[in-house]
C-alpha atoms as a PDB file:
ATOM      1  CA  GLN A   1       0.000   0.000   0.000  1.00  0.00           C
ATOM      2  CA  LEU A   2       1.337   3.388  -0.999  1.00  0.00           C
ATOM      3  CA  GLN A   3       1.180   5.923   1.767  1.00  0.00           C
ATOM      4  CA  LEU A   4       2.851   8.859   3.471  1.00  0.00           C
ATOM      5  CA  VAL A   5       3.016   8.942   7.250  1.00  0.00           C
ATOM      6  CA  GLU A   6       3.531  12.159   9.165  1.00  0.00           C
ATOM      7  CA  SER A   7       5.146  12.213  12.604  1.00  0.00           C
ATOM      8  CA  GLY A   8       6.974  14.443  15.046  1.00  0.00           C
ATOM      9  CA  GLY A   9       4.193  16.656  16.299  1.00  0.00           C
ATOM     10  CA  GLY A  10       3.720  17.652  19.909  1.00  0.00           C
ATOM     11  CA  VAL A  11       3.332  20.553  22.284  1.00  0.00           C
ATOM     12  CA  VAL A  12       5.985  23.259  22.108  1.00  0.00           C
ATOM     13  CA  GLN A  13       6.322  26.672  23.695  1.00  0.00           C
ATOM     14  CA  PRO A  14       6.252  29.838  21.618  1.00  0.00           C
ATOM     15  CA  GLY A  15       9.703  30.485  20.238  1.00  0.00           C
ATOM     16  CA  GLY A  16      10.548  26.810  20.343  1.00  0.00           C
ATOM     17  CA  SER A  17      11.412  24.321  17.624  1.00  0.00           C
ATOM     18  CA  GLN A  18       9.998  21.081  16.311  1.00  0.00           C
ATOM     19  CA  ARG A  19      10.950  18.766  13.461  1.00  0.00           C
ATOM     20  CA  LEU A  20       8.320  16.905  11.517  1.00  0.00           C
ATOM     21  CA  SER A  21       8.916  13.845   9.352  1.00  0.00           C
ATOM     22  CA  CYS A  22       7.063  12.554   6.324  1.00  0.00           C
ATOM     23  CA  THR A  23       7.990   8.958   5.543  1.00  0.00           C
ATOM     24  CA  ALA A  24       6.892   7.014   2.493  1.00  0.00           C
ATOM     25  CA  SER A  25       5.971   3.390   2.508  1.00  0.00           C
ATOM     26  CA  GLY A  26       5.249   1.229  -0.485  1.00  0.00           C
ATOM     27  CA  PHE A  27       7.099   3.489  -2.912  1.00  0.00           C
ATOM     28  CA  THR A  28      10.357   5.384  -3.310  1.00  0.00           C
ATOM     29  CA  LEU A  29      10.257   9.099  -2.695  1.00  0.00           C
ATOM     30  CA  ASN A  30      13.345  10.077  -4.633  1.00  0.00           C
ATOM     31  CA  ILE A  31      11.553  10.907  -7.890  1.00  0.00           C
ATOM     32  CA  TYR A  32       8.755  12.893  -6.284  1.00  0.00           C
ATOM     33  CA  ALA A  33       8.256  16.367  -4.898  1.00  0.00           C
ATOM     34  CA  ILE A  34       6.851  16.587  -1.381  1.00  0.00           C
ATOM     35  CA  GLY A  35       4.711  19.336   0.030  1.00  0.00           C
ATOM     36  CA  TRP A  36       3.753  20.152   3.593  1.00  0.00           C
ATOM     37  CA  PHE A  37       0.311  21.510   4.362  1.00  0.00           C
ATOM     38  CA  ARG A  38      -1.456  22.396   7.574  1.00  0.00           C
ATOM     39  CA  GLN A  39      -4.944  22.896   8.890  1.00  0.00           C
ATOM     40  CA  ALA A  40      -5.558  24.995  11.965  1.00  0.00           C
ATOM     41  CA  PRO A  41      -8.729  24.528  14.037  1.00  0.00           C
ATOM     42  CA  GLY A  42     -11.682  26.093  12.268  1.00  0.00           C
ATOM     43  CA  LYS A  43      -9.642  27.053   9.226  1.00  0.00           C
ATOM     44  CA  GLU A  44      -9.086  25.681   5.761  1.00  0.00           C
ATOM     45  CA  ARG A  45      -6.045  23.641   4.932  1.00  0.00           C
ATOM     46  CA  GLU A  46      -3.159  25.735   3.620  1.00  0.00           C
ATOM     47  CA  TRP A  47       0.099  25.063   1.865  1.00  0.00           C
ATOM     48  CA  VAL A  48       3.281  25.480   3.923  1.00  0.00           C
ATOM     49  CA  SER A  49       6.294  24.356   1.906  1.00  0.00           C
ATOM     50  CA  CYS A  50       7.436  22.175  -0.969  1.00  0.00           C
ATOM     51  CA  ILE A  51      10.675  20.504  -2.035  1.00  0.00           C
ATOM     52  CA  ASN A  52      11.471  19.082  -5.453  1.00  0.00           C
ATOM     53  CA  SER A  53      12.742  15.553  -6.028  1.00  0.00           C
ATOM     54  CA  SER A  54      16.440  16.449  -5.916  1.00  0.00           C
ATOM     55  CA  GLY A  55      16.074  18.677  -2.894  1.00  0.00           C
ATOM     56  CA  LYS A  56      17.655  21.608  -4.718  1.00  0.00           C
ATOM     57  CA  ILE A  57      14.491  23.680  -5.027  1.00  0.00           C
ATOM     58  CA  THR A  58      12.405  24.632  -2.014  1.00  0.00           C
ATOM     59  CA  THR A  59       9.506  27.026  -1.649  1.00  0.00           C
ATOM     60  CA  TYR A  60       7.697  28.418   1.366  1.00  0.00           C
ATOM     61  CA  ALA A  61       4.528  30.227   2.238  1.00  0.00           C
ATOM     62  CA  ASP A  62       5.183  33.792   3.361  1.00  0.00           C
ATOM     63  CA  SER A  63       3.864  32.983   6.830  1.00  0.00           C
ATOM     64  CA  VAL A  64       6.705  30.521   7.498  1.00  0.00           C
ATOM     65  CA  LYS A  65       9.523  31.865   5.335  1.00  0.00           C
ATOM     66  CA  GLY A  66      12.702  32.325   7.342  1.00  0.00           C
ATOM     67  CA  ARG A  67      11.422  30.144  10.187  1.00  0.00           C
ATOM     68  CA  PHE A  68      10.736  26.760   8.572  1.00  0.00           C
ATOM     69  CA  THR A  69      13.157  24.654   6.536  1.00  0.00           C
ATOM     70  CA  ILE A  70      12.173  21.710   4.375  1.00  0.00           C
ATOM     71  CA  SER A  71      14.716  19.029   3.540  1.00  0.00           C
ATOM     72  CA  ARG A  72      14.844  15.454   2.387  1.00  0.00           C
ATOM     73  CA  ASP A  73      16.872  12.309   2.924  1.00  0.00           C
ATOM     74  CA  ASN A  74      16.096  10.067  -0.014  1.00  0.00           C
ATOM     75  CA  ALA A  75      18.135   7.250   1.502  1.00  0.00           C
ATOM     76  CA  LYS A  76      15.669   7.226   4.395  1.00  0.00           C
ATOM     77  CA  ASN A  77      12.671   7.836   2.136  1.00  0.00           C
ATOM     78  CA  THR A  78      11.818  10.792   4.359  1.00  0.00           C
ATOM     79  CA  VAL A  79      11.170  14.509   4.061  1.00  0.00           C
ATOM     80  CA  TYR A  80      11.557  16.796   7.062  1.00  0.00           C
ATOM     81  CA  LEU A  81      10.098  20.115   8.123  1.00  0.00           C
ATOM     82  CA  GLN A  82      12.260  21.914  10.663  1.00  0.00           C
ATOM     83  CA  MET A  83      10.163  24.535  12.385  1.00  0.00           C
ATOM     84  CA  ASN A  84      11.880  27.244  14.415  1.00  0.00           C
ATOM     85  CA  SER A  85      10.626  30.361  16.198  1.00  0.00           C
ATOM     86  CA  LEU A  86       7.220  28.782  16.484  1.00  0.00           C
ATOM     87  CA  LYS A  87       4.189  30.969  17.090  1.00  0.00           C
ATOM     88  CA  PRO A  88       0.758  30.114  18.481  1.00  0.00           C
ATOM     89  CA  GLU A  89      -0.659  30.636  14.991  1.00  0.00           C
ATOM     90  CA  ASP A  90       1.447  27.703  13.778  1.00  0.00           C
ATOM     91  CA  THR A  91      -0.803  25.418  15.797  1.00  0.00           C
ATOM     92  CA  ALA A  92      -2.316  22.987  13.298  1.00  0.00           C
ATOM     93  CA  VAL A  93      -2.423  19.457  12.035  1.00  0.00           C
ATOM     94  CA  TYR A  94       0.398  19.109   9.526  1.00  0.00           C
ATOM     95  CA  TYR A  95       0.101  16.878   6.469  1.00  0.00           C
ATOM     96  CA  CYS A  96       2.392  15.908   3.633  1.00  0.00           C
ATOM     97  CA  ALA A  97       1.480  15.073   0.056  1.00  0.00           C
ATOM     98  CA  THR A  98       3.338  14.188  -3.108  1.00  0.00           C
ATOM     99  CA  ASP A  99       3.358  14.601  -6.842  1.00  0.00           C
ATOM    100  CA  ARG A 100       5.979  14.614  -9.588  1.00  0.00           C
ATOM    101  CA  ALA A 101       6.680  18.327  -9.163  1.00  0.00           C
ATOM    102  CA  CYS A 102       5.806  21.094  -6.711  1.00  0.00           C
ATOM    103  CA  GLY A 103       3.920  22.972  -9.414  1.00  0.00           C
ATOM    104  CA  LEU A 104       1.692  19.979 -10.122  1.00  0.00           C
ATOM    105  CA  LEU A 105       1.134  19.380  -6.428  1.00  0.00           C
ATOM    106  CA  LEU A 106       0.075  22.941  -5.745  1.00  0.00           C
ATOM    107  CA  HIS A 107      -2.092  23.064  -8.867  1.00  0.00           C
ATOM    108  CA  LYS A 108      -3.976  20.009  -7.625  1.00  0.00           C
ATOM    109  CA  PHE A 109      -4.256  21.436  -4.134  1.00  0.00           C
ATOM    110  CA  TYR A 110      -5.696  24.770  -5.216  1.00  0.00           C
ATOM    111  CA  ASN A 111      -8.072  23.047  -7.636  1.00  0.00           C
ATOM    112  CA  ASN A 112      -9.404  20.564  -5.095  1.00  0.00           C
ATOM    113  CA  GLY A 113      -7.546  17.719  -6.724  1.00  0.00           C
ATOM    114  CA  LEU A 114      -5.883  16.390  -3.584  1.00  0.00           C
ATOM    115  CA  ASN A 115      -8.447  14.083  -2.052  1.00  0.00           C
ATOM    116  CA  SER A 116      -6.325  11.601  -0.136  1.00  0.00           C
ATOM    117  CA  TRP A 117      -4.665  12.741   3.045  1.00  0.00           C
ATOM    118  CA  GLY A 118      -2.927  10.893   5.839  1.00  0.00           C
ATOM    119  CA  LYS A 119      -3.733  11.296   9.508  1.00  0.00           C
ATOM    120  CA  GLY A 120      -1.333  14.185   9.880  1.00  0.00           C
ATOM    121  CA  THR A 121       0.577  15.160  12.986  1.00  0.00           C
ATOM    122  CA  LEU A 122      -0.637  17.767  15.472  1.00  0.00           C
ATOM    123  CA  VAL A 123       1.605  20.632  16.473  1.00  0.00           C
ATOM    124  CA  THR A 124       0.410  22.756  19.364  1.00  0.00           C
ATOM    125  CA  VAL A 125       2.291  25.947  20.166  1.00  0.00           C
ATOM    126  CA  SER A 126       1.296  27.088  23.604  1.00  0.00           C
ATOM    127  CA  SER A 127       2.800  28.293  26.858  1.00  0.00           C
END
């Protein structure tokens, strides 16, 4: 079964850091782009970051630029999201998704073409 599993969430204080992982099972990640998305309570899901298959191209939403870093370890079939300087407004369930390129992934997302999501991992930023 092909799936992505998110992990690494938890409770962190404002200003703190957390690293999320997105691990693939049933397929090899190294030819795919991976995007991180999040959904805060009572809000719509939003895009956070994306990394291309080689790891050389990364993009970020303005709300996280300079604080979050996306990276990948293809040998471990895993993509990471390092989150620093966390704010209460970063509280959300974080999800990852994949496609052949970040542009395709985001096109599907904004056109309601991403219909299969994992369980996500909850990040709560609170003192």
